[in-house]
Amino acid sequence: MREPDLPHALVVTSIHAGDGKTHVACGLARWLLNRGFHPVPLHLGAGGAHQEACPGGISVSRPAALLAEACRLAPEPLFESGWSQLEEVAQRGDVVVVEAQAVPGEWRRLPQILVERGGGRLRVNGFPLPAFSPALTHAAAPELEGLPAWEAAARPRIGVVSLPHLLDFRDLALLRGAEWLASTGVGQFDFVFVPATSDAARDAAWLEETGLAEWLREQALGGAVVVSCGWEAAGARRMEREDVTDYRRLSILLQRKLAPPMPGDAVFDELAAWVAPWAEQDRLLEFYW
């Protein structure tokens, strides 16, 4: 039973790094959210190399951003600030899901959820769970070693042509900070992307009518890398959609190391379903509330 003088929090911890704390913490946060609670995250484990941007231009570690995403909250520095901020974080919701490698001092009185890995399975407080797929984290990409990290203050100038028949906005999700263009842009760009289209003939005609076709040719002559995704557009070199949606290929094109994409919302619901057998068997809500 939860001790009344402590913040309302559950601590997901493990003996070893890489045992699966982030998966379980994200699954637990979304499981609570889907049951009408308002969980808030506090990530206190190793951050890793990848950073995710927050509103306002600050960044947090990818695991902290994942845990915030599982709570359907925008990431912010408070969510990986430290044990001393636990009570402040607790005021933002009705339960804090803490991910931590070690639990110091008085905080050991908080309910702890131990994650262990062995034999291809995870155990959560001794309850076995199968391996989860897809992964939340990405394997190292040695081909990107040596590239400077993507930074908002030093990013190249990127334009995206807003086609009338643009096929899928999600193709451009990795192009953070791009300028969307429905008419000719001002000044010289470093990269211009013409997205995939559902009607190449009409969009080609629209490019000519708006003057964008000639502008794309001028941008290419001025040194911009002008790319069309999956079709032939004026002044552009063709690339496949996968070259733009894969963060490793796009990093090589931009000569900047991009962070891997965040998983979609459905992945967090899958994680909630994955931890549900343990949470329901452990009578989690009844025990801690």
C-alpha atoms as a PDB file:
ATOM      1  CA  MET A   1       0.000   0.000   0.000  1.00  0.00           C
ATOM      2  CA  ARG A   2       1.195   3.507  -0.817  1.00  0.00           C
ATOM      3  CA  GLU A   3       2.519   5.495   2.134  1.00  0.00           C
ATOM      4  CA  PRO A   4       0.374   8.653   2.538  1.00  0.00           C
ATOM      5  CA  ASP A   5       3.283  11.072   3.101  1.00  0.00           C
ATOM      6  CA  LEU A   6       4.887  10.234  -0.258  1.00  0.00           C
ATOM      7  CA  PRO A   7       4.010  11.570  -3.732  1.00  0.00           C
ATOM      8  CA  HIS A   8       1.717   9.394  -5.804  1.00  0.00           C
ATOM      9  CA  ALA A   9       4.376   7.601  -7.874  1.00  0.00           C
ATOM     10  CA  LEU A  10       5.415   4.220  -9.246  1.00  0.00           C
ATOM     11  CA  VAL A  11       9.117   3.575  -9.868  1.00  0.00           C
ATOM     12  CA  VAL A  12      10.193   1.294 -12.723  1.00  0.00           C
ATOM     13  CA  THR A  13      13.734   0.131 -12.043  1.00  0.00           C
ATOM     14  CA  SER A  14      16.193  -2.651 -12.892  1.00  0.00           C
ATOM     15  CA  ILE A  15      19.510  -4.043 -11.767  1.00  0.00           C
ATOM     16  CA  HIS A  16      21.144  -3.724 -15.192  1.00  0.00           C
ATOM     17  CA  ALA A  17      20.919  -1.088 -17.920  1.00  0.00           C
ATOM     18  CA  GLY A  18      19.192  -2.351 -21.054  1.00  0.00           C
ATOM     19  CA  ASP A  19      16.825  -4.686 -19.219  1.00  0.00           C
ATOM     20  CA  GLY A  20      13.725  -3.012 -20.673  1.00  0.00           C
ATOM     21  CA  LYS A  21      12.781  -0.298 -18.169  1.00  0.00           C
ATOM     22  CA  THR A  22      11.780   2.181 -20.882  1.00  0.00           C
ATOM     23  CA  HIS A  23       9.437  -0.332 -22.538  1.00  0.00           C
ATOM     24  CA  VAL A  24       7.752  -1.198 -19.255  1.00  0.00           C
ATOM     25  CA  ALA A  25       7.569   2.428 -18.047  1.00  0.00           C
ATOM     26  CA  CYS A  26       6.015   3.577 -21.341  1.00  0.00           C
ATOM     27  CA  GLY A  27       3.592   0.646 -21.349  1.00  0.00           C
ATOM     28  CA  LEU A  28       2.587   1.334 -17.743  1.00  0.00           C
ATOM     29  CA  ALA A  29       2.101   5.064 -18.416  1.00  0.00           C
ATOM     30  CA  ARG A  30      -0.163   4.405 -21.408  1.00  0.00           C
ATOM     31  CA  TRP A  31      -2.016   1.625 -19.545  1.00  0.00           C
ATOM     32  CA  LEU A  32      -2.813   4.100 -16.750  1.00  0.00           C
ATOM     33  CA  LEU A  33      -3.793   6.797 -19.258  1.00  0.00           C
ATOM     34  CA  ASN A  34      -6.169   4.406 -21.034  1.00  0.00           C
ATOM     35  CA  ARG A  35      -7.856   3.746 -17.686  1.00  0.00           C
ATOM     36  CA  GLY A  36      -8.659   7.369 -17.052  1.00  0.00           C
ATOM     37  CA  PHE A  37      -5.643   8.414 -15.007  1.00  0.00           C
ATOM     38  CA  HIS A  38      -3.392  11.389 -15.793  1.00  0.00           C
ATOM     39  CA  PRO A  39       0.148  10.020 -15.527  1.00  0.00           C
ATOM     40  CA  VAL A  40       3.169  12.314 -15.694  1.00  0.00           C
ATOM     41  CA  PRO A  41       6.699  11.129 -16.476  1.00  0.00           C
ATOM     42  CA  LEU A  42       9.998  11.421 -14.652  1.00  0.00           C
ATOM     43  CA  HIS A  43      12.947   9.819 -16.424  1.00  0.00           C
ATOM     44  CA  LEU A  44      16.066   9.478 -14.266  1.00  0.00           C
ATOM     45  CA  GLY A  45      18.006   6.777 -16.123  1.00  0.00           C
ATOM     46  CA  ALA A  46      20.805   7.032 -18.681  1.00  0.00           C
ATOM     47  CA  GLY A  47      19.797   9.385 -21.474  1.00  0.00           C
ATOM     48  CA  GLY A  48      21.739   7.932 -24.409  1.00  0.00           C
ATOM     49  CA  ALA A  49      23.130   9.811 -27.392  1.00  0.00           C
ATOM     50  CA  HIS A  50      19.882  10.929 -29.060  1.00  0.00           C
ATOM     51  CA  GLN A  51      18.116  14.125 -28.027  1.00  0.00           C
ATOM     52  CA  GLU A  52      14.554  15.198 -28.824  1.00  0.00           C
ATOM     53  CA  ALA A  53      13.464  18.804 -29.192  1.00  0.00           C
ATOM     54  CA  CYS A  54      11.008  20.351 -26.720  1.00  0.00           C
ATOM     55  CA  PRO A  55       8.721  23.331 -27.309  1.00  0.00           C
ATOM     56  CA  GLY A  56      10.892  26.403 -26.834  1.00  0.00           C
ATOM     57  CA  GLY A  57      14.013  24.925 -28.411  1.00  0.00           C
ATOM     58  CA  ILE A  58      15.423  23.000 -25.423  1.00  0.00           C
ATOM     59  CA  SER A  59      16.018  19.273 -25.791  1.00  0.00           C
ATOM     60  CA  VAL A  60      15.674  16.195 -23.576  1.00  0.00           C
ATOM     61  CA  SER A  61      16.938  12.646 -23.902  1.00  0.00           C
ATOM     62  CA  ARG A  62      15.039  10.270 -26.159  1.00  0.00           C
ATOM     63  CA  PRO A  63      13.908   7.991 -23.261  1.00  0.00           C
ATOM     64  CA  ALA A  64      12.470  11.040 -21.457  1.00  0.00           C
ATOM     65  CA  ALA A  65      10.643  12.090 -24.638  1.00  0.00           C
ATOM     66  CA  LEU A  66       9.299   8.544 -25.111  1.00  0.00           C
ATOM     67  CA  LEU A  67       7.930   8.453 -21.582  1.00  0.00           C
ATOM     68  CA  ALA A  68       6.290  11.862 -22.060  1.00  0.00           C
ATOM     69  CA  GLU A  69       4.809  10.678 -25.354  1.00  0.00           C
ATOM     70  CA  ALA A  70       3.367   7.619 -23.603  1.00  0.00           C
ATOM     71  CA  CYS A  71       1.585  10.046 -21.240  1.00  0.00           C
ATOM     72  CA  ARG A  72       0.484  12.122 -24.284  1.00  0.00           C
ATOM     73  CA  LEU A  73       2.462  15.081 -22.960  1.00  0.00           C
ATOM     74  CA  ALA A  74       4.987  17.287 -24.715  1.00  0.00           C
ATOM     75  CA  PRO A  75       8.515  16.632 -23.428  1.00  0.00           C
ATOM     76  CA  GLU A  76      10.083  19.222 -21.143  1.00  0.00           C
ATOM     77  CA  PRO A  77      13.225  19.431 -18.982  1.00  0.00           C
ATOM     78  CA  LEU A  78      11.218  19.038 -15.753  1.00  0.00           C
ATOM     79  CA  PHE A  79      10.468  15.463 -16.798  1.00  0.00           C
ATOM     80  CA  GLU A  80      14.113  14.440 -16.344  1.00  0.00           C
ATOM     81  CA  SER A  81      15.149  16.955 -13.707  1.00  0.00           C
ATOM     82  CA  GLY A  82      15.919  14.787 -10.669  1.00  0.00           C
ATOM     83  CA  TRP A  83      14.499  13.189  -7.556  1.00  0.00           C
ATOM     84  CA  SER A  84      14.380  16.587  -5.857  1.00  0.00           C
ATOM     85  CA  GLN A  85      11.656  17.643  -8.336  1.00  0.00           C
ATOM     86  CA  LEU A  86       9.423  14.601  -7.808  1.00  0.00           C
ATOM     87  CA  GLU A  87       6.859  16.478  -5.721  1.00  0.00           C
ATOM     88  CA  GLU A  88       6.673  19.270  -8.321  1.00  0.00           C
ATOM     89  CA  VAL A  89       6.177  16.730 -11.100  1.00  0.00           C
ATOM     90  CA  ALA A  90       3.478  14.999  -9.024  1.00  0.00           C
ATOM     91  CA  GLN A  91       1.435  18.222  -9.013  1.00  0.00           C
ATOM     92  CA  ARG A  92       1.072  17.971 -12.802  1.00  0.00           C
ATOM     93  CA  GLY A  93      -1.074  14.805 -12.696  1.00  0.00           C
ATOM     94  CA  ASP A  94      -2.434  12.123 -10.424  1.00  0.00           C
ATOM     95  CA  VAL A  95       0.419   9.601 -10.647  1.00  0.00           C
ATOM     96  CA  VAL A  96       4.104   9.896 -11.600  1.00  0.00           C
ATOM     97  CA  VAL A  97       5.680   7.076 -13.582  1.00  0.00           C
ATOM     98  CA  VAL A  98       9.369   7.203 -12.687  1.00  0.00           C
ATOM     99  CA  GLU A  99      12.020   5.349 -14.682  1.00  0.00           C
ATOM    100  CA  ALA A 100      15.237   5.088 -12.672  1.00  0.00           C
ATOM    101  CA  GLN A 101      18.297   2.866 -12.516  1.00  0.00           C
ATOM    102  CA  ALA A 102      18.755   3.413  -8.766  1.00  0.00           C
ATOM    103  CA  VAL A 103      16.441   4.694  -6.040  1.00  0.00           C
ATOM    104  CA  PRO A 104      18.118   6.767  -3.321  1.00  0.00           C
ATOM    105  CA  GLY A 105      17.315   7.344   0.346  1.00  0.00           C
ATOM    106  CA  GLU A 106      13.735   8.011   1.366  1.00  0.00           C
ATOM    107  CA  TRP A 107      12.450   7.373  -2.164  1.00  0.00           C
ATOM    108  CA  ARG A 108      13.043   3.643  -1.624  1.00  0.00           C
ATOM    109  CA  ARG A 109       9.738   3.688   0.239  1.00  0.00           C
ATOM    110  CA  LEU A 110       7.942   4.306  -3.068  1.00  0.00           C
ATOM    111  CA  PRO A 111       6.367   1.287  -4.789  1.00  0.00           C
ATOM    112  CA  GLN A 112       9.026  -0.252  -7.062  1.00  0.00           C
ATOM    113  CA  ILE A 113       8.537  -2.322 -10.184  1.00  0.00           C
ATOM    114  CA  LEU A 114      11.593  -4.439 -10.948  1.00  0.00           C
ATOM    115  CA  VAL A 115      12.337  -5.282 -14.588  1.00  0.00           C
ATOM    116  CA  GLU A 116      14.695  -8.174 -15.336  1.00  0.00           C
ATOM    117  CA  ARG A 117      15.753  -9.700 -18.637  1.00  0.00           C
ATOM    118  CA  GLY A 118      16.728 -13.305 -19.229  1.00  0.00           C
ATOM    119  CA  GLY A 119      16.150 -16.164 -21.653  1.00  0.00           C
ATOM    120  CA  GLY A 120      14.682 -13.883 -24.308  1.00  0.00           C
ATOM    121  CA  ARG A 121      11.925 -12.662 -21.989  1.00  0.00           C
ATOM    122  CA  LEU A 122      11.292  -9.869 -19.542  1.00  0.00           C
ATOM    123  CA  ARG A 123      10.113 -10.349 -16.004  1.00  0.00           C
ATOM    124  CA  VAL A 124       8.203  -7.557 -14.309  1.00  0.00           C
ATOM    125  CA  ASN A 125       8.050  -8.142 -10.566  1.00  0.00           C
ATOM    126  CA  GLY A 126       8.629 -11.788 -11.477  1.00  0.00           C
ATOM    127  CA  PHE A 127       5.808 -11.910 -14.054  1.00  0.00           C
ATOM    128  CA  PRO A 128       7.040 -13.071 -17.497  1.00  0.00           C
ATOM    129  CA  LEU A 129       6.356 -10.966 -20.578  1.00  0.00           C
ATOM    130  CA  PRO A 130       7.344 -11.871 -24.171  1.00  0.00           C
ATOM    131  CA  ALA A 131       9.785  -9.720 -26.124  1.00  0.00           C
ATOM    132  CA  PHE A 132       8.118  -6.602 -27.537  1.00  0.00           C
ATOM    133  CA  SER A 133       8.299  -5.525 -31.165  1.00  0.00           C
ATOM    134  CA  PRO A 134       8.661  -2.950 -32.690  1.00  0.00           C
ATOM    135  CA  ALA A 135      11.584  -1.478 -30.816  1.00  0.00           C
ATOM    136  CA  LEU A 136      11.430   1.927 -29.153  1.00  0.00           C
ATOM    137  CA  THR A 137      15.127   2.488 -29.597  1.00  0.00           C
ATOM    138  CA  HIS A 138      17.296   2.177 -32.702  1.00  0.00           C
ATOM    139  CA  ALA A 139      20.518   0.291 -33.229  1.00  0.00           C
ATOM    140  CA  ALA A 140      23.696   2.284 -33.729  1.00  0.00           C
ATOM    141  CA  ALA A 141      24.202   3.613 -37.269  1.00  0.00           C
ATOM    142  CA  PRO A 142      27.961   3.477 -37.952  1.00  0.00           C
ATOM    143  CA  GLU A 143      27.465   5.121 -41.361  1.00  0.00           C
ATOM    144  CA  LEU A 144      26.520   8.326 -39.539  1.00  0.00           C
ATOM    145  CA  GLU A 145      29.643   8.515 -37.416  1.00  0.00           C
ATOM    146  CA  GLY A 146      31.494  11.765 -38.038  1.00  0.00           C
ATOM    147  CA  LEU A 147      28.410  13.724 -39.102  1.00  0.00           C
ATOM    148  CA  PRO A 148      27.597  16.747 -36.925  1.00  0.00           C
ATOM    149  CA  ALA A 149      24.420  16.431 -34.889  1.00  0.00           C
ATOM    150  CA  TRP A 150      21.288  18.196 -36.107  1.00  0.00           C
ATOM    151  CA  GLU A 151      21.013  21.477 -34.201  1.00  0.00           C
ATOM    152  CA  ALA A 152      18.220  23.999 -34.612  1.00  0.00           C
ATOM    153  CA  ALA A 153      20.623  26.954 -34.468  1.00  0.00           C
ATOM    154  CA  ALA A 154      22.876  25.611 -37.240  1.00  0.00           C
ATOM    155  CA  ARG A 155      20.481  23.686 -39.438  1.00  0.00           C
ATOM    156  CA  PRO A 156      20.532  24.141 -43.228  1.00  0.00           C
ATOM    157  CA  ARG A 157      17.754  26.127 -44.852  1.00  0.00           C
ATOM    158  CA  ILE A 158      15.182  23.632 -46.128  1.00  0.00           C
ATOM    159  CA  GLY A 159      12.099  24.236 -48.229  1.00  0.00           C
ATOM    160  CA  VAL A 160       9.202  21.862 -48.906  1.00  0.00           C
ATOM    161  CA  VAL A 161       6.865  22.541 -51.816  1.00  0.00           C
ATOM    162  CA  SER A 162       3.249  22.359 -50.638  1.00  0.00           C
ATOM    163  CA  LEU A 163       1.765  20.477 -53.582  1.00  0.00           C
ATOM    164  CA  PRO A 164      -2.008  20.536 -54.153  1.00  0.00           C
ATOM    165  CA  HIS A 165      -1.997  16.742 -54.412  1.00  0.00           C
ATOM    166  CA  LEU A 166       0.652  15.952 -51.792  1.00  0.00           C
ATOM    167  CA  LEU A 167       0.459  12.222 -51.112  1.00  0.00           C
ATOM    168  CA  ASP A 168       1.408  11.920 -47.432  1.00  0.00           C
ATOM    169  CA  PHE A 169       2.529  14.655 -45.013  1.00  0.00           C
ATOM    170  CA  ARG A 170       4.153  11.978 -42.835  1.00  0.00           C
ATOM    171  CA  ASP A 171       6.870  11.547 -45.470  1.00  0.00           C
ATOM    172  CA  LEU A 172       8.277  14.930 -44.395  1.00  0.00           C
ATOM    173  CA  ALA A 173       8.121  14.413 -40.621  1.00  0.00           C
ATOM    174  CA  LEU A 174      11.904  14.292 -40.235  1.00  0.00           C
ATOM    175  CA  LEU A 175      12.421  17.682 -41.908  1.00  0.00           C
ATOM    176  CA  ARG A 176      12.103  19.724 -38.735  1.00  0.00           C
ATOM    177  CA  GLY A 177      12.052  23.466 -39.200  1.00  0.00           C
ATOM    178  CA  ALA A 178      11.448  23.298 -42.968  1.00  0.00           C
ATOM    179  CA  GLU A 179       9.731  26.208 -44.737  1.00  0.00           C
ATOM    180  CA  TRP A 180       6.577  25.145 -46.572  1.00  0.00           C
ATOM    181  CA  LEU A 181       6.222  26.869 -49.934  1.00  0.00           C
ATOM    182  CA  ALA A 182       3.051  27.443 -51.955  1.00  0.00           C
ATOM    183  CA  SER A 183       4.819  30.107 -54.022  1.00  0.00           C
ATOM    184  CA  THR A 184       8.395  30.999 -54.836  1.00  0.00           C
ATOM    185  CA  GLY A 185      10.579  31.457 -51.772  1.00  0.00           C
ATOM    186  CA  VAL A 186      12.819  34.413 -50.998  1.00  0.00           C
ATOM    187  CA  GLY A 187      16.580  33.908 -51.066  1.00  0.00           C
ATOM    188  CA  GLN A 188      18.731  30.846 -51.566  1.00  0.00           C
ATOM    189  CA  PHE A 189      17.923  27.509 -49.929  1.00  0.00           C
ATOM    190  CA  ASP A 190      20.295  24.664 -49.123  1.00  0.00           C
ATOM    191  CA  PHE A 191      17.734  21.917 -49.801  1.00  0.00           C
ATOM    192  CA  VAL A 192      14.321  21.925 -51.459  1.00  0.00           C
ATOM    193  CA  PHE A 193      12.028  18.893 -51.365  1.00  0.00           C
ATOM    194  CA  VAL A 194       9.169  18.259 -53.783  1.00  0.00           C
ATOM    195  CA  PRO A 195       7.025  15.636 -51.987  1.00  0.00           C
ATOM    196  CA  ALA A 196       5.413  12.531 -53.441  1.00  0.00           C
ATOM    197  CA  THR A 197       2.206  13.293 -55.315  1.00  0.00           C
ATOM    198  CA  SER A 198      -1.065  11.496 -55.952  1.00  0.00           C
ATOM    199  CA  ASP A 199      -1.462  13.303 -59.311  1.00  0.00           C
ATOM    200  CA  ALA A 200       1.854  13.995 -61.033  1.00  0.00           C
ATOM    201  CA  ALA A 201       0.332  15.593 -64.157  1.00  0.00           C
ATOM    202  CA  ARG A 202      -1.726  18.163 -62.267  1.00  0.00           C
ATOM    203  CA  ASP A 203       1.041  18.988 -59.807  1.00  0.00           C
ATOM    204  CA  ALA A 204       3.561  19.412 -62.652  1.00  0.00           C
ATOM    205  CA  ALA A 205       1.144  21.852 -64.310  1.00  0.00           C
ATOM    206  CA  TRP A 206       0.670  23.683 -60.996  1.00  0.00           C
ATOM    207  CA  LEU A 207       4.447  24.063 -60.606  1.00  0.00           C
ATOM    208  CA  GLU A 208       4.615  25.702 -64.039  1.00  0.00           C
ATOM    209  CA  GLU A 209       1.602  27.983 -63.404  1.00  0.00           C
ATOM    210  CA  THR A 210       2.946  29.254 -60.071  1.00  0.00           C
ATOM    211  CA  GLY A 211       6.471  29.839 -61.359  1.00  0.00           C
ATOM    212  CA  LEU A 212       7.801  27.253 -58.929  1.00  0.00           C
ATOM    213  CA  ALA A 213       9.163  25.072 -61.730  1.00  0.00           C
ATOM    214  CA  GLU A 214      11.477  27.841 -62.905  1.00  0.00           C
ATOM    215  CA  TRP A 215      12.287  28.750 -59.295  1.00  0.00           C
ATOM    216  CA  LEU A 216      13.339  25.150 -58.583  1.00  0.00           C
ATOM    217  CA  ARG A 217      15.710  25.258 -61.560  1.00  0.00           C
ATOM    218  CA  GLU A 218      17.169  28.558 -60.296  1.00  0.00           C
ATOM    219  CA  GLN A 219      17.620  27.110 -56.817  1.00  0.00           C
ATOM    220  CA  ALA A 220      19.499  24.125 -58.265  1.00  0.00           C
ATOM    221  CA  LEU A 221      21.762  26.457 -60.286  1.00  0.00           C
ATOM    222  CA  GLY A 222      22.394  28.460 -57.108  1.00  0.00           C
ATOM    223  CA  GLY A 223      23.677  25.382 -55.299  1.00  0.00           C
ATOM    224  CA  ALA A 224      20.585  23.971 -53.608  1.00  0.00           C
ATOM    225  CA  VAL A 225      20.017  20.233 -53.567  1.00  0.00           C
ATOM    226  CA  VAL A 226      16.547  19.944 -55.121  1.00  0.00           C
ATOM    227  CA  VAL A 227      14.891  16.570 -54.593  1.00  0.00           C
ATOM    228  CA  SER A 228      11.594  15.120 -55.797  1.00  0.00           C
ATOM    229  CA  CYS A 229      10.163  12.133 -53.976  1.00  0.00           C
ATOM    230  CA  GLY A 230       9.135   9.297 -56.253  1.00  0.00           C
ATOM    231  CA  TRP A 231       8.391  11.314 -59.419  1.00  0.00           C
ATOM    232  CA  GLU A 232      10.042  13.573 -61.990  1.00  0.00           C
ATOM    233  CA  ALA A 233       9.686  17.253 -61.101  1.00  0.00           C
ATOM    234  CA  ALA A 234      11.220  20.305 -62.753  1.00  0.00           C
ATOM    235  CA  GLY A 235      14.813  20.972 -61.773  1.00  0.00           C
ATOM    236  CA  ALA A 236      14.846  18.142 -59.231  1.00  0.00           C
ATOM    237  CA  ARG A 237      16.707  14.901 -58.909  1.00  0.00           C
ATOM    238  CA  ARG A 238      14.501  11.968 -58.112  1.00  0.00           C
ATOM    239  CA  MET A 239      14.746  10.062 -54.841  1.00  0.00           C
ATOM    240  CA  GLU A 240      12.509   7.359 -53.481  1.00  0.00           C
ATOM    241  CA  ARG A 241      10.173   8.132 -50.592  1.00  0.00           C
ATOM    242  CA  GLU A 242      12.148   5.736 -48.391  1.00  0.00           C
ATOM    243  CA  ASP A 243      15.220   7.955 -48.814  1.00  0.00           C
ATOM    244  CA  VAL A 244      13.337  10.769 -47.072  1.00  0.00           C
ATOM    245  CA  THR A 245      11.503   8.733 -44.433  1.00  0.00           C
ATOM    246  CA  ASP A 246      14.596   6.769 -43.307  1.00  0.00           C
ATOM    247  CA  TYR A 247      16.500   8.974 -40.852  1.00  0.00           C
ATOM    248  CA  ARG A 248      19.842   7.362 -41.770  1.00  0.00           C
ATOM    249  CA  ARG A 249      19.517   8.010 -45.524  1.00  0.00           C
ATOM    250  CA  LEU A 250      18.191  11.504 -44.922  1.00  0.00           C
ATOM    251  CA  SER A 251      21.061  12.229 -42.502  1.00  0.00           C
ATOM    252  CA  ILE A 252      23.556  11.345 -45.233  1.00  0.00           C
ATOM    253  CA  LEU A 253      21.782  13.620 -47.725  1.00  0.00           C
ATOM    254  CA  LEU A 254      21.623  16.553 -45.287  1.00  0.00           C
ATOM    255  CA  GLN A 255      25.093  15.824 -43.859  1.00  0.00           C
ATOM    256  CA  ARG A 256      23.608  16.192 -40.382  1.00  0.00           C
ATOM    257  CA  LYS A 257      22.934  13.376 -37.919  1.00  0.00           C
ATOM    258  CA  LEU A 258      19.169  13.334 -37.363  1.00  0.00           C
ATOM    259  CA  ALA A 259      17.538  11.758 -34.333  1.00  0.00           C
ATOM    260  CA  PRO A 260      15.581   8.564 -35.086  1.00  0.00           C
ATOM    261  CA  PRO A 261      11.835   9.180 -35.501  1.00  0.00           C
ATOM    262  CA  MET A 262       9.546   8.823 -32.522  1.00  0.00           C
ATOM    263  CA  PRO A 263       7.125   5.881 -32.661  1.00  0.00           C
ATOM    264  CA  GLY A 264       3.498   6.518 -33.537  1.00  0.00           C
ATOM    265  CA  ASP A 265       0.754   6.680 -30.926  1.00  0.00           C
ATOM    266  CA  ALA A 266      -0.452   3.176 -31.796  1.00  0.00           C
ATOM    267  CA  VAL A 267       2.878   1.732 -30.601  1.00  0.00           C
ATOM    268  CA  PHE A 268       2.237   3.049 -27.088  1.00  0.00           C
ATOM    269  CA  ASP A 269      -1.222   1.462 -27.107  1.00  0.00           C
ATOM    270  CA  GLU A 270       0.458  -1.805 -28.116  1.00  0.00           C
ATOM    271  CA  LEU A 271       2.823  -1.396 -25.176  1.00  0.00           C
ATOM    272  CA  ALA A 272      -0.142  -0.859 -22.856  1.00  0.00           C
ATOM    273  CA  ALA A 273      -1.694  -4.105 -24.090  1.00  0.00           C
ATOM    274  CA  TRP A 274       1.688  -5.822 -23.659  1.00  0.00           C
ATOM    275  CA  VAL A 275       1.999  -4.893 -19.947  1.00  0.00           C
ATOM    276  CA  ALA A 276      -1.716  -5.374 -19.213  1.00  0.00           C
ATOM    277  CA  PRO A 277      -1.469  -9.100 -18.235  1.00  0.00           C
ATOM    278  CA  TRP A 278       1.127  -8.222 -15.591  1.00  0.00           C
ATOM    279  CA  ALA A 279      -0.655  -5.059 -14.368  1.00  0.00           C
ATOM    280  CA  GLU A 280      -4.002  -6.834 -14.051  1.00  0.00           C
ATOM    281  CA  GLN A 281      -2.503  -9.974 -12.482  1.00  0.00           C
ATOM    282  CA  ASP A 282      -0.515  -7.808 -10.047  1.00  0.00           C
ATOM    283  CA  ARG A 283      -3.771  -5.996  -9.132  1.00  0.00           C
ATOM    284  CA  LEU A 284      -1.761  -2.836  -9.627  1.00  0.00           C
ATOM    285  CA  LEU A 285      -4.514  -0.271  -9.117  1.00  0.00           C
ATOM    286  CA  GLU A 286      -6.066  -2.054  -6.157  1.00  0.00           C
ATOM    287  CA  PHE A 287      -2.721  -2.510  -4.391  1.00  0.00           C
ATOM    288  CA  TYR A 288      -1.254   0.962  -4.855  1.00  0.00           C
ATOM    289  CA  TRP A 289      -4.479   2.943  -4.543  1.00  0.00           C
END
